[in-house]
C-alpha atoms as a PDB file:
ATOM      1  CA  MET A   1     113.871  37.427 125.964  1.00  0.00           C
ATOM      2  CA  ILE A   2     113.985  38.663 129.544  1.00  0.00           C
ATOM      3  CA  ARG A   3     115.007  36.219 132.258  1.00  0.00           C
ATOM      4  CA  ALA A   4     114.103  36.501 135.924  1.00  0.00           C
ATOM      5  CA  THR A   5     115.707  34.315 138.542  1.00  0.00           C
ATOM      6  CA  THR A   6     113.881  32.997 141.586  1.00  0.00           C
ATOM      7  CA  GLY A   7     116.285  31.099 143.805  1.00  0.00           C
ATOM      8  CA  LYS A   8     118.094  28.661 141.522  1.00  0.00           C
ATOM      9  CA  ILE A   9     115.287  28.363 138.967  1.00  0.00           C
ATOM     10  CA  GLU A  10     115.600  30.647 135.957  1.00  0.00           C
ATOM     11  CA  MET A  11     112.186  31.478 134.517  1.00  0.00           C
ATOM     12  CA  PRO A  12     111.851  32.777 130.927  1.00  0.00           C
ATOM     13  CA  HIS A  13     109.929  36.007 130.384  1.00  0.00           C
ATOM     14  CA  PHE A  14     109.056  37.655 127.059  1.00  0.00           C
ATOM     15  CA  THR A  15     107.524  40.912 125.983  1.00  0.00           C
ATOM     16  CA  LEU A  16     104.497  40.766 123.732  1.00  0.00           C
ATOM     17  CA  ALA A  17     106.608  42.062 120.831  1.00  0.00           C
ATOM     18  CA  GLN A  18     109.277  39.410 121.416  1.00  0.00           C
ATOM     19  CA  LEU A  19     106.706  36.621 121.415  1.00  0.00           C
ATOM     20  CA  ALA A  20     105.126  37.952 118.249  1.00  0.00           C
ATOM     21  CA  GLU A  21     108.520  37.962 116.531  1.00  0.00           C
ATOM     22  CA  LYS A  22     109.246  34.351 117.572  1.00  0.00           C
ATOM     23  CA  LEU A  23     105.841  33.213 116.340  1.00  0.00           C
ATOM     24  CA  GLY A  24     105.817  35.297 113.173  1.00  0.00           C
ATOM     25  CA  ALA A  25     102.541  36.678 114.519  1.00  0.00           C
ATOM     26  CA  ASP A  26     100.676  39.942 114.217  1.00  0.00           C
ATOM     27  CA  PHE A  27      99.629  41.469 117.507  1.00  0.00           C
ATOM     28  CA  HIS A  28      97.714  44.275 119.082  1.00  0.00           C
ATOM     29  CA  GLY A  29      98.311  45.573 122.584  1.00  0.00           C
ATOM     30  CA  ASP A  30     101.229  47.018 124.532  1.00  0.00           C
ATOM     31  CA  PRO A  31     104.429  45.692 122.876  1.00  0.00           C
ATOM     32  CA  ASN A  32     106.276  45.994 126.205  1.00  0.00           C
ATOM     33  CA  LEU A  33     103.779  43.896 128.153  1.00  0.00           C
ATOM     34  CA  ILE A  34     105.755  41.283 130.085  1.00  0.00           C
ATOM     35  CA  ILE A  35     104.513  37.704 129.693  1.00  0.00           C
ATOM     36  CA  THR A  36     105.687  35.199 132.289  1.00  0.00           C
ATOM     37  CA  GLY A  37     103.938  31.998 131.310  1.00  0.00           C
ATOM     38  CA  VAL A  38     101.072  30.177 129.668  1.00  0.00           C
ATOM     39  CA  ALA A  39      97.799  28.859 131.086  1.00  0.00           C
ATOM     40  CA  SER A  40      94.217  27.979 130.196  1.00  0.00           C
ATOM     41  CA  LEU A  41      91.533  30.628 129.746  1.00  0.00           C
ATOM     42  CA  ALA A  42      90.080  29.668 133.121  1.00  0.00           C
ATOM     43  CA  ARG A  43      93.342  29.883 135.086  1.00  0.00           C
ATOM     44  CA  ALA A  44      95.521  32.431 133.300  1.00  0.00           C
ATOM     45  CA  ASN A  45      96.523  35.666 135.040  1.00  0.00           C
ATOM     46  CA  ALA A  46      97.346  39.110 133.675  1.00  0.00           C
ATOM     47  CA  GLN A  47     100.929  38.119 132.798  1.00  0.00           C
ATOM     48  CA  GLN A  48     100.092  34.894 131.028  1.00  0.00           C
ATOM     49  CA  VAL A  49      99.068  33.980 127.496  1.00  0.00           C
ATOM     50  CA  ALA A  50      96.006  31.782 126.899  1.00  0.00           C
ATOM     51  CA  PHE A  51      94.974  29.851 123.819  1.00  0.00           C
ATOM     52  CA  PHE A  52      91.608  30.384 122.133  1.00  0.00           C
ATOM     53  CA  GLU A  53      90.343  28.665 118.954  1.00  0.00           C
ATOM     54  CA  ASN A  54      86.853  27.395 119.796  1.00  0.00           C
ATOM     55  CA  PRO A  55      83.993  29.888 119.167  1.00  0.00           C
ATOM     56  CA  LYS A  56      81.840  27.858 121.576  1.00  0.00           C
ATOM     57  CA  LEU A  57      84.049  29.099 124.423  1.00  0.00           C
ATOM     58  CA  ILE A  58      83.419  32.806 123.905  1.00  0.00           C
ATOM     59  CA  SER A  59      81.816  32.998 127.350  1.00  0.00           C
ATOM     60  CA  GLU A  60      85.107  31.791 128.870  1.00  0.00           C
ATOM     61  CA  LEU A  61      87.006  34.296 126.747  1.00  0.00           C
ATOM     62  CA  GLU A  62      84.888  37.102 128.151  1.00  0.00           C
ATOM     63  CA  LYS A  63      85.672  36.023 131.736  1.00  0.00           C
ATOM     64  CA  THR A  64      89.355  35.217 131.375  1.00  0.00           C
ATOM     65  CA  LYS A  65      91.980  37.184 133.283  1.00  0.00           C
ATOM     66  CA  ALA A  66      94.695  36.310 130.779  1.00  0.00           C
ATOM     67  CA  GLY A  67      96.872  39.217 129.685  1.00  0.00           C
ATOM     68  CA  VAL A  68      97.279  37.945 126.120  1.00  0.00           C
ATOM     69  CA  ILE A  69      95.120  35.760 123.871  1.00  0.00           C
ATOM     70  CA  LEU A  70      96.714  33.579 121.207  1.00  0.00           C
ATOM     71  CA  THR A  71      94.121  33.179 118.460  1.00  0.00           C
ATOM     72  CA  SER A  72      93.198  33.645 114.791  1.00  0.00           C
ATOM     73  CA  ALA A  73      92.412  36.958 113.096  1.00  0.00           C
ATOM     74  CA  GLN A  74      88.709  36.139 112.931  1.00  0.00           C
ATOM     75  CA  LEU A  75      88.400  35.110 116.582  1.00  0.00           C
ATOM     76  CA  SER A  76      90.531  38.011 117.837  1.00  0.00           C
ATOM     77  CA  GLN A  77      87.534  40.265 117.131  1.00  0.00           C
ATOM     78  CA  HIS A  78      85.835  38.723 120.174  1.00  0.00           C
ATOM     79  CA  SER A  79      88.542  39.893 122.587  1.00  0.00           C
ATOM     80  CA  LYS A  80      89.379  43.339 123.934  1.00  0.00           C
ATOM     81  CA  LYS A  81      92.638  42.053 125.400  1.00  0.00           C
ATOM     82  CA  ALA A  82      96.084  42.015 123.822  1.00  0.00           C
ATOM     83  CA  CYS A  83      96.203  39.352 121.124  1.00  0.00           C
ATOM     84  CA  LEU A  84      98.800  37.342 119.252  1.00  0.00           C
ATOM     85  CA  ILE A  85      97.252  36.622 115.840  1.00  0.00           C
ATOM     86  CA  VAL A  86      98.382  33.629 113.784  1.00  0.00           C
ATOM     87  CA  GLY A  87      97.047  31.474 110.980  1.00  0.00           C
ATOM     88  CA  ARG A  88      97.230  28.208 112.968  1.00  0.00           C
ATOM     89  CA  PRO A  89      96.749  28.988 116.678  1.00  0.00           C
ATOM     90  CA  ARG A  90      97.114  25.380 117.893  1.00  0.00           C
ATOM     91  CA  LEU A  91     100.454  24.974 116.125  1.00  0.00           C
ATOM     92  CA  ALA A  92     101.690  28.318 117.447  1.00  0.00           C
ATOM     93  CA  PHE A  93     100.615  27.329 120.948  1.00  0.00           C
ATOM     94  CA  ILE A  94     103.038  24.386 120.825  1.00  0.00           C
ATOM     95  CA  THR A  95     105.838  26.857 120.139  1.00  0.00           C
ATOM     96  CA  VAL A  96     104.725  29.039 123.060  1.00  0.00           C
ATOM     97  CA  LEU A  97     104.667  26.055 125.420  1.00  0.00           C
ATOM     98  CA  ASN A  98     108.185  25.080 124.382  1.00  0.00           C
ATOM     99  CA  LEU A  99     109.418  28.636 124.885  1.00  0.00           C
ATOM    100  CA  PHE A 100     108.155  28.814 128.452  1.00  0.00           C
ATOM    101  CA  HIS A 101     108.796  25.162 129.304  1.00  0.00           C
ATOM    102  CA  PRO A 102     111.884  24.081 127.355  1.00  0.00           C
ATOM    103  CA  GLN A 103     112.699  20.417 127.655  1.00  0.00           C
ATOM    104  CA  LYS A 104     115.744  19.920 129.833  1.00  0.00           C
ATOM    105  CA  MET A 105     117.703  17.018 128.423  1.00  0.00           C
ATOM    106  CA  ARG A 106     120.872  15.891 130.100  1.00  0.00           C
ATOM    107  CA  SER A 107     123.166  13.599 128.167  1.00  0.00           C
ATOM    108  CA  ASN A 108     123.929  11.086 130.869  1.00  0.00           C
ATOM    109  CA  ILE A 109     123.303   7.536 131.998  1.00  0.00           C
ATOM    110  CA  HIS A 110     122.008   7.012 135.538  1.00  0.00           C
ATOM    111  CA  PRO A 111     124.250   4.780 137.662  1.00  0.00           C
ATOM    112  CA  THR A 112     121.413   2.280 138.203  1.00  0.00           C
ATOM    113  CA  VAL A 113     121.102   1.530 134.461  1.00  0.00           C
ATOM    114  CA  VAL A 114     122.013  -2.027 133.441  1.00  0.00           C
ATOM    115  CA  ILE A 115     123.529  -2.380 129.977  1.00  0.00           C
ATOM    116  CA  GLY A 116     124.210  -5.680 128.213  1.00  0.00           C
ATOM    117  CA  GLU A 117     127.028  -6.640 125.882  1.00  0.00           C
ATOM    118  CA  ASN A 118     127.856  -5.264 122.456  1.00  0.00           C
ATOM    119  CA  CYS A 119     125.630  -2.178 122.781  1.00  0.00           C
ATOM    120  CA  GLN A 120     126.107   1.047 120.837  1.00  0.00           C
ATOM    121  CA  ILE A 121     124.714   4.060 122.708  1.00  0.00           C
ATOM    122  CA  ASP A 122     125.336   7.558 121.385  1.00  0.00           C
ATOM    123  CA  PRO A 123     126.973   9.882 123.959  1.00  0.00           C
ATOM    124  CA  SER A 124     124.091  12.364 123.624  1.00  0.00           C
ATOM    125  CA  VAL A 125     121.473   9.852 124.862  1.00  0.00           C
ATOM    126  CA  SER A 126     119.807  10.428 128.255  1.00  0.00           C
ATOM    127  CA  ILE A 127     118.910   7.263 130.193  1.00  0.00           C
ATOM    128  CA  ALA A 128     117.099   7.562 133.540  1.00  0.00           C
ATOM    129  CA  ALA A 129     117.068   5.307 136.600  1.00  0.00           C
ATOM    130  CA  ASN A 130     116.396   1.565 136.587  1.00  0.00           C
ATOM    131  CA  VAL A 131     116.471   1.126 132.837  1.00  0.00           C
ATOM    132  CA  VAL A 132     117.540  -2.352 131.708  1.00  0.00           C
ATOM    133  CA  ILE A 133     119.130  -2.781 128.282  1.00  0.00           C
ATOM    134  CA  GLY A 134     119.875  -6.185 126.754  1.00  0.00           C
ATOM    135  CA  ASP A 135     122.620  -7.260 124.350  1.00  0.00           C
ATOM    136  CA  ASN A 136     123.184  -5.907 120.843  1.00  0.00           C
ATOM    137  CA  VAL A 137     121.104  -2.778 121.388  1.00  0.00           C
ATOM    138  CA  VAL A 138     121.698   0.358 119.320  1.00  0.00           C
ATOM    139  CA  ILE A 139     120.420   3.771 120.509  1.00  0.00           C
ATOM    140  CA  ALA A 140     120.968   6.770 118.249  1.00  0.00           C
ATOM    141  CA  ALA A 141     121.601  10.422 119.078  1.00  0.00           C
ATOM    142  CA  ASN A 142     119.513  12.656 121.339  1.00  0.00           C
ATOM    143  CA  SER A 143     117.089   9.971 122.461  1.00  0.00           C
ATOM    144  CA  ILE A 144     115.510  10.084 125.914  1.00  0.00           C
ATOM    145  CA  ILE A 145     114.722   6.975 127.943  1.00  0.00           C
ATOM    146  CA  TYR A 146     112.703   7.552 131.102  1.00  0.00           C
ATOM    147  CA  PRO A 147     112.826   5.409 134.280  1.00  0.00           C
ATOM    148  CA  ASN A 148     111.980   1.709 134.374  1.00  0.00           C
ATOM    149  CA  VAL A 149     112.116   1.082 130.634  1.00  0.00           C
ATOM    150  CA  THR A 150     113.135  -2.435 129.577  1.00  0.00           C
ATOM    151  CA  ILE A 151     114.856  -3.027 126.251  1.00  0.00           C
ATOM    152  CA  TYR A 152     115.455  -6.660 125.306  1.00  0.00           C
ATOM    153  CA  ASN A 153     118.184  -7.973 122.999  1.00  0.00           C
ATOM    154  CA  ASN A 154     118.542  -6.953 119.354  1.00  0.00           C
ATOM    155  CA  VAL A 155     116.673  -3.653 119.485  1.00  0.00           C
ATOM    156  CA  LYS A 156     117.613  -0.660 117.319  1.00  0.00           C
ATOM    157  CA  ILE A 157     116.395   2.785 118.360  1.00  0.00           C
ATOM    158  CA  GLY A 158     116.669   5.802 116.086  1.00  0.00           C
ATOM    159  CA  ALA A 159     117.545   9.415 116.805  1.00  0.00           C
ATOM    160  CA  ARG A 160     115.400  11.716 118.958  1.00  0.00           C
ATOM    161  CA  VAL A 161     113.250   8.860 120.229  1.00  0.00           C
ATOM    162  CA  ILE A 162     111.366   9.261 123.514  1.00  0.00           C
ATOM    163  CA  LEU A 163     110.515   6.174 125.582  1.00  0.00           C
ATOM    164  CA  HIS A 164     108.313   6.868 128.599  1.00  0.00           C
ATOM    165  CA  SER A 165     108.353   4.943 131.864  1.00  0.00           C
ATOM    166  CA  GLY A 166     107.397   1.298 131.725  1.00  0.00           C
ATOM    167  CA  VAL A 167     107.926   0.807 127.995  1.00  0.00           C
ATOM    168  CA  VAL A 168     109.021  -2.722 127.073  1.00  0.00           C
ATOM    169  CA  LEU A 169     110.680  -3.266 123.703  1.00  0.00           C
ATOM    170  CA  GLY A 170     111.504  -6.677 122.290  1.00  0.00           C
ATOM    171  CA  ALA A 171     109.736  -9.054 124.671  1.00  0.00           C
ATOM    172  CA  ASP A 172     109.062 -12.445 123.078  1.00  0.00           C
ATOM    173  CA  GLY A 173     106.299 -12.477 120.513  1.00  0.00           C
ATOM    174  CA  PHE A 174     103.317 -14.687 121.308  1.00  0.00           C
ATOM    175  CA  GLY A 175     104.274 -17.707 119.198  1.00  0.00           C
ATOM    176  CA  TYR A 176     103.501 -21.364 120.049  1.00  0.00           C
ATOM    177  CA  GLU A 177     102.956 -24.623 118.182  1.00  0.00           C
ATOM    178  CA  ARG A 178     101.476 -27.894 119.438  1.00  0.00           C
ATOM    179  CA  ASP A 179     103.948 -30.774 119.678  1.00  0.00           C
ATOM    180  CA  ALA A 180     103.363 -34.507 119.289  1.00  0.00           C
ATOM    181  CA  THR A 181     101.941 -34.722 122.804  1.00  0.00           C
ATOM    182  CA  ASN A 182      99.500 -31.852 122.144  1.00  0.00           C
ATOM    183  CA  GLN A 183     101.436 -29.482 124.402  1.00  0.00           C
ATOM    184  CA  TRP A 184     102.270 -25.906 123.428  1.00  0.00           C
ATOM    185  CA  LEU A 185     105.869 -25.614 122.223  1.00  0.00           C
ATOM    186  CA  LYS A 186     107.398 -22.134 122.346  1.00  0.00           C
ATOM    187  CA  VAL A 187     108.659 -20.744 119.028  1.00  0.00           C
ATOM    188  CA  PRO A 188     111.918 -18.804 119.608  1.00  0.00           C
ATOM    189  CA  GLN A 189     111.550 -15.098 118.851  1.00  0.00           C
ATOM    190  CA  ILE A 190     114.869 -13.735 117.607  1.00  0.00           C
ATOM    191  CA  GLY A 191     113.913 -10.846 115.293  1.00  0.00           C
ATOM    192  CA  GLY A 192     114.066  -7.926 117.725  1.00  0.00           C
ATOM    193  CA  VAL A 193     112.560  -4.460 117.189  1.00  0.00           C
ATOM    194  CA  GLU A 194     113.516  -1.497 115.042  1.00  0.00           C
ATOM    195  CA  ILE A 195     112.348   1.997 116.040  1.00  0.00           C
ATOM    196  CA  GLY A 196     112.705   4.839 113.518  1.00  0.00           C
ATOM    197  CA  ASP A 197     113.778   8.420 114.156  1.00  0.00           C
ATOM    198  CA  ASP A 198     111.515  10.876 115.998  1.00  0.00           C
ATOM    199  CA  VAL A 199     109.271   8.214 117.524  1.00  0.00           C
ATOM    200  CA  GLU A 200     107.571   8.732 120.903  1.00  0.00           C
ATOM    201  CA  ILE A 201     106.226   5.752 122.852  1.00  0.00           C
ATOM    202  CA  GLY A 202     103.924   6.251 125.851  1.00  0.00           C
ATOM    203  CA  ALA A 203     104.092   4.775 129.334  1.00  0.00           C
ATOM    204  CA  ASN A 204     103.594   1.021 129.759  1.00  0.00           C
ATOM    205  CA  THR A 205     103.362   0.348 126.042  1.00  0.00           C
ATOM    206  CA  THR A 206     104.804  -2.971 124.866  1.00  0.00           C
ATOM    207  CA  ILE A 207     106.219  -3.835 121.455  1.00  0.00           C
ATOM    208  CA  ASP A 208     107.097  -7.501 120.958  1.00  0.00           C
ATOM    209  CA  GLY A 209     110.155  -8.605 119.056  1.00  0.00           C
ATOM    210  CA  GLY A 210     109.709 -10.401 115.743  1.00  0.00           C
ATOM    211  CA  ALA A 211     110.050 -14.116 115.230  1.00  0.00           C
ATOM    212  CA  LEU A 212     112.760 -13.946 112.540  1.00  0.00           C
ATOM    213  CA  ASP A 213     112.506 -10.440 111.078  1.00  0.00           C
ATOM    214  CA  PRO A 214     112.117  -7.408 113.355  1.00  0.00           C
ATOM    215  CA  THR A 215     108.951  -5.652 114.413  1.00  0.00           C
ATOM    216  CA  VAL A 216     109.258  -2.234 112.737  1.00  0.00           C
ATOM    217  CA  ILE A 217     108.025   1.161 113.925  1.00  0.00           C
ATOM    218  CA  GLY A 218     108.503   3.782 111.196  1.00  0.00           C
ATOM    219  CA  LYS A 219     109.909   7.258 111.628  1.00  0.00           C
ATOM    220  CA  GLY A 220     107.783   9.949 113.258  1.00  0.00           C
ATOM    221  CA  VAL A 221     105.294   7.468 114.742  1.00  0.00           C
ATOM    222  CA  LYS A 222     103.586   8.544 117.989  1.00  0.00           C
ATOM    223  CA  ILE A 223     102.219   5.840 120.294  1.00  0.00           C
ATOM    224  CA  ASP A 224     100.144   6.549 123.398  1.00  0.00           C
ATOM    225  CA  ASN A 225     100.154   4.781 126.771  1.00  0.00           C
ATOM    226  CA  LEU A 226      99.114   1.156 127.280  1.00  0.00           C
ATOM    227  CA  VAL A 227      99.314   0.099 123.651  1.00  0.00           C
ATOM    228  CA  MET A 228     100.127  -3.525 122.728  1.00  0.00           C
ATOM    229  CA  ILE A 229     101.922  -4.200 119.432  1.00  0.00           C
ATOM    230  CA  GLY A 230     102.481  -7.835 118.506  1.00  0.00           C
ATOM    231  CA  HIS A 231     105.445  -9.487 116.854  1.00  0.00           C
ATOM    232  CA  ASN A 232     106.337  -8.662 113.245  1.00  0.00           C
ATOM    233  CA  VAL A 233     103.870  -5.775 113.097  1.00  0.00           C
ATOM    234  CA  GLN A 234     104.973  -2.948 110.825  1.00  0.00           C
ATOM    235  CA  ILE A 235     103.816   0.613 111.534  1.00  0.00           C
ATOM    236  CA  GLY A 236     104.216   3.088 108.665  1.00  0.00           C
ATOM    237  CA  ASP A 237     105.885   6.478 109.053  1.00  0.00           C
ATOM    238  CA  HIS A 238     104.070   9.250 110.928  1.00  0.00           C
ATOM    239  CA  SER A 239     101.132   7.174 112.094  1.00  0.00           C
ATOM    240  CA  LEU A 240      99.401   7.909 115.404  1.00  0.00           C
ATOM    241  CA  ILE A 241      98.117   5.249 117.819  1.00  0.00           C
ATOM    242  CA  ALA A 242      95.954   6.216 120.802  1.00  0.00           C
ATOM    243  CA  GLY A 243      95.918   4.545 124.209  1.00  0.00           C
ATOM    244  CA  CYS A 244      94.735   1.022 125.051  1.00  0.00           C
ATOM    245  CA  SER A 245      94.843  -0.075 121.408  1.00  0.00           C
ATOM    246  CA  GLY A 246      96.129  -3.443 120.298  1.00  0.00           C
ATOM    247  CA  ILE A 247      97.645  -4.615 117.015  1.00  0.00           C
ATOM    248  CA  ALA A 248      98.054  -8.364 116.602  1.00  0.00           C
ATOM    249  CA  GLY A 249     101.044 -10.056 114.997  1.00  0.00           C
ATOM    250  CA  SER A 250     102.198  -9.539 111.404  1.00  0.00           C
ATOM    251  CA  THR A 251      99.714  -6.775 110.628  1.00  0.00           C
ATOM    252  CA  HIS A 252     100.967  -3.895 108.477  1.00  0.00           C
ATOM    253  CA  LEU A 253      99.634  -0.416 109.270  1.00  0.00           C
ATOM    254  CA  GLY A 254     100.301   2.177 106.563  1.00  0.00           C
ATOM    255  CA  LYS A 255     101.768   5.663 106.707  1.00  0.00           C
ATOM    256  CA  TYR A 256      99.882   8.629 108.191  1.00  0.00           C
ATOM    257  CA  CYS A 257      97.249   6.410 109.797  1.00  0.00           C
ATOM    258  CA  ILE A 258      95.383   7.267 113.000  1.00  0.00           C
ATOM    259  CA  VAL A 259      94.213   4.518 115.353  1.00  0.00           C
ATOM    260  CA  GLY A 260      91.632   5.645 117.930  1.00  0.00           C
ATOM    261  CA  GLY A 261      91.721   4.646 121.581  1.00  0.00           C
ATOM    262  CA  SER A 262      90.881   1.020 122.439  1.00  0.00           C
ATOM    263  CA  ALA A 263      90.826  -0.024 118.791  1.00  0.00           C
ATOM    264  CA  MET A 264      91.633  -3.698 118.247  1.00  0.00           C
ATOM    265  CA  ILE A 265      93.282  -4.845 115.001  1.00  0.00           C
ATOM    266  CA  ALA A 266      93.490  -8.557 114.175  1.00  0.00           C
ATOM    267  CA  ASP A 267      96.591 -10.358 112.908  1.00  0.00           C
ATOM    268  CA  HIS A 268      97.998 -10.649 109.378  1.00  0.00           C
ATOM    269  CA  LEU A 269      96.022  -7.686 108.025  1.00  0.00           C
ATOM    270  CA  LYS A 270      97.113  -4.854 105.740  1.00  0.00           C
ATOM    271  CA  ILE A 271      95.844  -1.336 106.440  1.00  0.00           C
ATOM    272  CA  THR A 272      96.701   1.090 103.641  1.00  0.00           C
ATOM    273  CA  ASP A 273      98.038   4.648 104.103  1.00  0.00           C
ATOM    274  CA  ASN A 274      95.878   7.524 105.410  1.00  0.00           C
ATOM    275  CA  VAL A 275      93.312   5.403 107.208  1.00  0.00           C
ATOM    276  CA  ILE A 276      91.566   6.607 110.380  1.00  0.00           C
ATOM    277  CA  LEU A 277      90.172   3.889 112.648  1.00  0.00           C
ATOM    278  CA  ALA A 278      87.718   5.334 115.150  1.00  0.00           C
ATOM    279  CA  GLY A 279      87.953   4.635 118.869  1.00  0.00           C
ATOM    280  CA  ALA A 280      86.920   1.108 119.926  1.00  0.00           C
ATOM    281  CA  ALA A 281      86.973  -0.069 116.304  1.00  0.00           C
ATOM    282  CA  MET A 282      87.142  -3.847 115.879  1.00  0.00           C
ATOM    283  CA  VAL A 283      89.189  -4.449 112.729  1.00  0.00           C
ATOM    284  CA  GLY A 284      88.918  -7.981 111.393  1.00  0.00           C
ATOM    285  CA  ARG A 285      89.714  -7.433 107.723  1.00  0.00           C
ATOM    286  CA  SER A 286      92.283  -5.589 105.649  1.00  0.00           C
ATOM    287  CA  VAL A 287      91.581  -2.017 104.517  1.00  0.00           C
ATOM    288  CA  ASP A 288      92.782  -1.063 101.036  1.00  0.00           C
ATOM    289  CA  THR A 289      91.051   2.320 100.632  1.00  0.00           C
ATOM    290  CA  PRO A 290      92.023   5.472 102.579  1.00  0.00           C
ATOM    291  CA  GLY A 291      89.305   7.032 104.716  1.00  0.00           C
ATOM    292  CA  VAL A 292      87.581   6.967 108.091  1.00  0.00           C
ATOM    293  CA  TYR A 293      86.216   3.678 109.444  1.00  0.00           C
ATOM    294  CA  TYR A 294      83.911   3.006 112.399  1.00  0.00           C
ATOM    295  CA  SER A 295      82.621  -0.103 114.076  1.00  0.00           C
ATOM    296  CA  PHE A 296      80.894  -1.113 117.307  1.00  0.00           C
ATOM    297  CA  SER A 297      77.724   0.371 118.754  1.00  0.00           C
ATOM    298  CA  GLU A 298      77.250   3.782 120.263  1.00  0.00           C
ATOM    299  CA  LEU A 299      76.348   4.090 123.925  1.00  0.00           C
ATOM    300  CA  LEU A 300      72.721   3.034 124.475  1.00  0.00           C
ATOM    301  CA  PRO A 301      70.367   2.764 127.479  1.00  0.00           C
ATOM    302  CA  PRO A 302      69.803  -0.839 128.726  1.00  0.00           C
ATOM    303  CA  ALA A 303      66.249  -1.289 127.416  1.00  0.00           C
ATOM    304  CA  GLN A 304      67.168  -0.210 123.884  1.00  0.00           C
ATOM    305  CA  MET A 305      70.324  -2.336 123.902  1.00  0.00           C
ATOM    306  CA  LYS A 306      68.308  -5.410 124.936  1.00  0.00           C
ATOM    307  CA  ARG A 307      65.814  -4.847 122.115  1.00  0.00           C
ATOM    308  CA  LEU A 308      68.571  -4.478 119.560  1.00  0.00           C
ATOM    309  CA  THR A 309      70.319  -7.599 120.853  1.00  0.00           C
ATOM    310  CA  VAL A 310      67.124  -9.619 120.463  1.00  0.00           C
ATOM    311  CA  ARG A 311      66.645  -8.294 116.933  1.00  0.00           C
ATOM    312  CA  PHE A 312      70.245  -9.039 116.046  1.00  0.00           C
ATOM    313  CA  ASN A 313      69.775 -12.660 117.102  1.00  0.00           C
ATOM    314  CA  GLN A 314      66.685 -12.817 114.879  1.00  0.00           C
ATOM    315  CA  LEU A 315      68.452 -11.571 111.736  1.00  0.00           C
ATOM    316  CA  ASP A 316      69.407 -14.989 110.407  1.00  0.00           C
ATOM    317  CA  GLU A 317      65.839 -16.302 110.630  1.00  0.00           C
ATOM    318  CA  MET A 318      64.511 -13.072 109.108  1.00  0.00           C
ATOM    319  CA  ALA A 319      66.950 -13.390 106.184  1.00  0.00           C
ATOM    320  CA  LYS A 320      65.722 -16.934 105.496  1.00  0.00           C
ATOM    321  CA  ARG A 321      62.101 -15.736 105.488  1.00  0.00           C
ATOM    322  CA  ILE A 322      62.926 -12.884 103.068  1.00  0.00           C
ATOM    323  CA  LYS A 323      64.621 -15.316 100.668  1.00  0.00           C
ATOM    324  CA  ALA A 324      61.580 -17.605 100.847  1.00  0.00           C
ATOM    325  CA  LEU A 325      59.225 -14.707 100.117  1.00  0.00           C
ATOM    326  CA  GLU A 326      61.392 -13.576  97.178  1.00  0.00           C
ATOM    327  CA  LYS A 327      61.074 -17.051  95.647  1.00  0.00           C
END
């Protein structure tokens, strides 16, 4: 790797041959071509590498000013430019991004951080400004906590966890019971939250603490922004949850599941492993068979939606007529 310094910022540079070696890639083009960064096909310049995997974008490939194209062997035939050729271009592109934009993690705790009693925080953890940490919190090695995160009492966080700004872990679960006077009586929520290793949680996502046992997020889980996870939910290892989704209390989501954006999952359900719930899915029953599941209506013009709504309201009467005719 070649490094060039501009002021106090050291910018990584690689030759085409060096990048190919790091990626385990084949290449064609000048092995000494200097590559200074990465960009999209539309914005890349002659010293940058661009990613190409969609045949529908060949017109953009023909117009790009990128010096190097990262692509597959089959798609490289469409480019006259220098190419890095790999079996899985999208996966290799992640490596390229990390090479040119390495994450800078500092193992320190900002002076504005508030930490409660009886906490165990590994020395390698980075905690940014205005983070508030309650009592009996455990944070394992190499985790990163961005500004304005709030961690309530009795939360355990695994190694290499990333919590983005605004995350709230361990707030009281939504538990109430009517008393003798018909008023709502709050049920104490003392279970806390357990976060596995290698979890990433997006900005302004909230995970409520359990009532007695903890809410559990398995290892390798990735959660987007603005997700709500209720008390005593269990998320299986390596599942993926997109933004604005909600999972109600005591539901168990299996391993390697994918929850699309704005999906809503009711309480006390069990979703087996390897289930994909499409965006805006309304899940009101348990799912015991792996696969892809959809619900809700596609986008429709007003007139058609009104007709379908009228017909939907007529279904019950139509069913009664069909039964009568069958008799």
